[in-house]
Amino acid sequence: MSDQTQANYWAFLLRLWRETPDLPFRAMLEDPHTGERHGFANMTQLIFFLQQLDKTAPDETNGE
């Protein structure tokens, strides 16, 4: 995959689980091309990570 294509395309395997029913879901994203993994303690961290992939996305914290 070219550098240009990689800048416009991401693929991840998403895993979600809870240690117990009363705890929030945890998440892990794995890049199937590189095997690189990113772990998240909660959904907020997962969403933040995904938003950072798209630097052109409006920043909801400042009203853009």
C-alpha atoms as a PDB file:
ATOM      1  CA  MET A   1       0.000   0.000   0.000  1.00  0.00           C
ATOM      2  CA  SER A   2       1.405   3.403  -0.933  1.00  0.00           C
ATOM      3  CA  ASP A   3       1.939   6.185   1.617  1.00  0.00           C
ATOM      4  CA  GLN A   4      -0.868   8.184  -0.050  1.00  0.00           C
ATOM      5  CA  THR A   5      -3.307   5.280   0.263  1.00  0.00           C
ATOM      6  CA  GLN A   6      -2.332   4.669   3.904  1.00  0.00           C
ATOM      7  CA  ALA A   7      -3.137   8.293   4.719  1.00  0.00           C
ATOM      8  CA  ASN A   8      -6.685   7.740   3.400  1.00  0.00           C
ATOM      9  CA  TYR A   9      -7.416   4.231   4.629  1.00  0.00           C
ATOM     10  CA  TRP A  10      -7.345   2.415   7.960  1.00  0.00           C
ATOM     11  CA  ALA A  11      -8.415  -1.097   8.817  1.00  0.00           C
ATOM     12  CA  PHE A  12      -8.634  -2.405  12.365  1.00  0.00           C
ATOM     13  CA  LEU A  13      -9.898  -5.464  14.143  1.00  0.00           C
ATOM     14  CA  LEU A  14     -11.970  -4.194  17.076  1.00  0.00           C
ATOM     15  CA  ARG A  15     -12.319  -6.216  20.269  1.00  0.00           C
ATOM     16  CA  LEU A  16     -14.695  -5.194  23.073  1.00  0.00           C
ATOM     17  CA  TRP A  17     -15.071  -6.885  26.437  1.00  0.00           C
ATOM     18  CA  ARG A  18     -15.949  -6.363  30.092  1.00  0.00           C
ATOM     19  CA  GLU A  19     -14.196  -7.909  33.030  1.00  0.00           C
ATOM     20  CA  THR A  20     -17.532  -7.966  34.901  1.00  0.00           C
ATOM     21  CA  PRO A  21     -21.033  -6.744  33.965  1.00  0.00           C
ATOM     22  CA  ASP A  22     -20.752  -3.680  36.216  1.00  0.00           C
ATOM     23  CA  LEU A  23     -17.510  -2.380  34.638  1.00  0.00           C
ATOM     24  CA  PRO A  24     -17.255  -0.333  31.424  1.00  0.00           C
ATOM     25  CA  PHE A  25     -16.283  -2.003  28.186  1.00  0.00           C
ATOM     26  CA  ARG A  26     -12.594  -2.137  27.384  1.00  0.00           C
ATOM     27  CA  ALA A  27     -11.402  -2.092  23.777  1.00  0.00           C
ATOM     28  CA  MET A  28      -8.468  -3.088  21.626  1.00  0.00           C
ATOM     29  CA  LEU A  29      -7.770  -2.140  18.021  1.00  0.00           C
ATOM     30  CA  GLU A  30      -5.351  -4.257  16.013  1.00  0.00           C
ATOM     31  CA  ASP A  31      -3.923  -3.236  12.647  1.00  0.00           C
ATOM     32  CA  PRO A  32      -4.156  -6.404  10.515  1.00  0.00           C
ATOM     33  CA  HIS A  33      -1.318  -5.217   8.274  1.00  0.00           C
ATOM     34  CA  THR A  34       1.265  -4.590  10.990  1.00  0.00           C
ATOM     35  CA  GLY A  35      -0.112  -6.428  14.034  1.00  0.00           C
ATOM     36  CA  GLU A  36       0.204  -3.204  16.047  1.00  0.00           C
ATOM     37  CA  ARG A  37      -2.284  -3.084  18.937  1.00  0.00           C
ATOM     38  CA  HIS A  38      -3.833  -0.180  20.791  1.00  0.00           C
ATOM     39  CA  GLY A  39      -5.597  -0.833  24.094  1.00  0.00           C
ATOM     40  CA  PHE A  40      -8.249   1.375  25.701  1.00  0.00           C
ATOM     41  CA  ALA A  41      -9.640   1.308  29.234  1.00  0.00           C
ATOM     42  CA  ASN A  42     -12.979   2.734  28.092  1.00  0.00           C
ATOM     43  CA  MET A  43     -14.970   3.868  25.060  1.00  0.00           C
ATOM     44  CA  THR A  44     -14.024   7.526  25.564  1.00  0.00           C
ATOM     45  CA  GLN A  45     -10.350   6.692  25.001  1.00  0.00           C
ATOM     46  CA  LEU A  46     -11.226   4.618  21.932  1.00  0.00           C
ATOM     47  CA  ILE A  47     -13.273   7.439  20.382  1.00  0.00           C
ATOM     48  CA  PHE A  48     -10.525   9.969  21.114  1.00  0.00           C
ATOM     49  CA  PHE A  49      -7.961   7.748  19.364  1.00  0.00           C
ATOM     50  CA  LEU A  50     -10.196   7.380  16.303  1.00  0.00           C
ATOM     51  CA  GLN A  51     -10.801  11.128  16.161  1.00  0.00           C
ATOM     52  CA  GLN A  52      -7.045  11.711  16.150  1.00  0.00           C
ATOM     53  CA  LEU A  53      -6.748   9.627  12.982  1.00  0.00           C
ATOM     54  CA  ASP A  54      -8.783  12.220  11.151  1.00  0.00           C
ATOM     55  CA  LYS A  55      -7.014  15.514  11.743  1.00  0.00           C
ATOM     56  CA  THR A  56      -9.557  17.225   9.474  1.00  0.00           C
ATOM     57  CA  ALA A  57     -12.525  16.239  11.668  1.00  0.00           C
ATOM     58  CA  PRO A  58     -14.188  19.180  13.446  1.00  0.00           C
ATOM     59  CA  ASP A  59     -13.132  19.598  17.041  1.00  0.00           C
ATOM     60  CA  GLU A  60     -16.361  19.391  19.037  1.00  0.00           C
ATOM     61  CA  THR A  61     -14.735  20.939  22.111  1.00  0.00           C
ATOM     62  CA  ASN A  62     -14.302  24.353  20.485  1.00  0.00           C
ATOM     63  CA  GLY A  63     -17.474  24.464  18.387  1.00  0.00           C
ATOM     64  CA  GLU A  64     -15.950  24.017  14.921  1.00  0.00           C
END
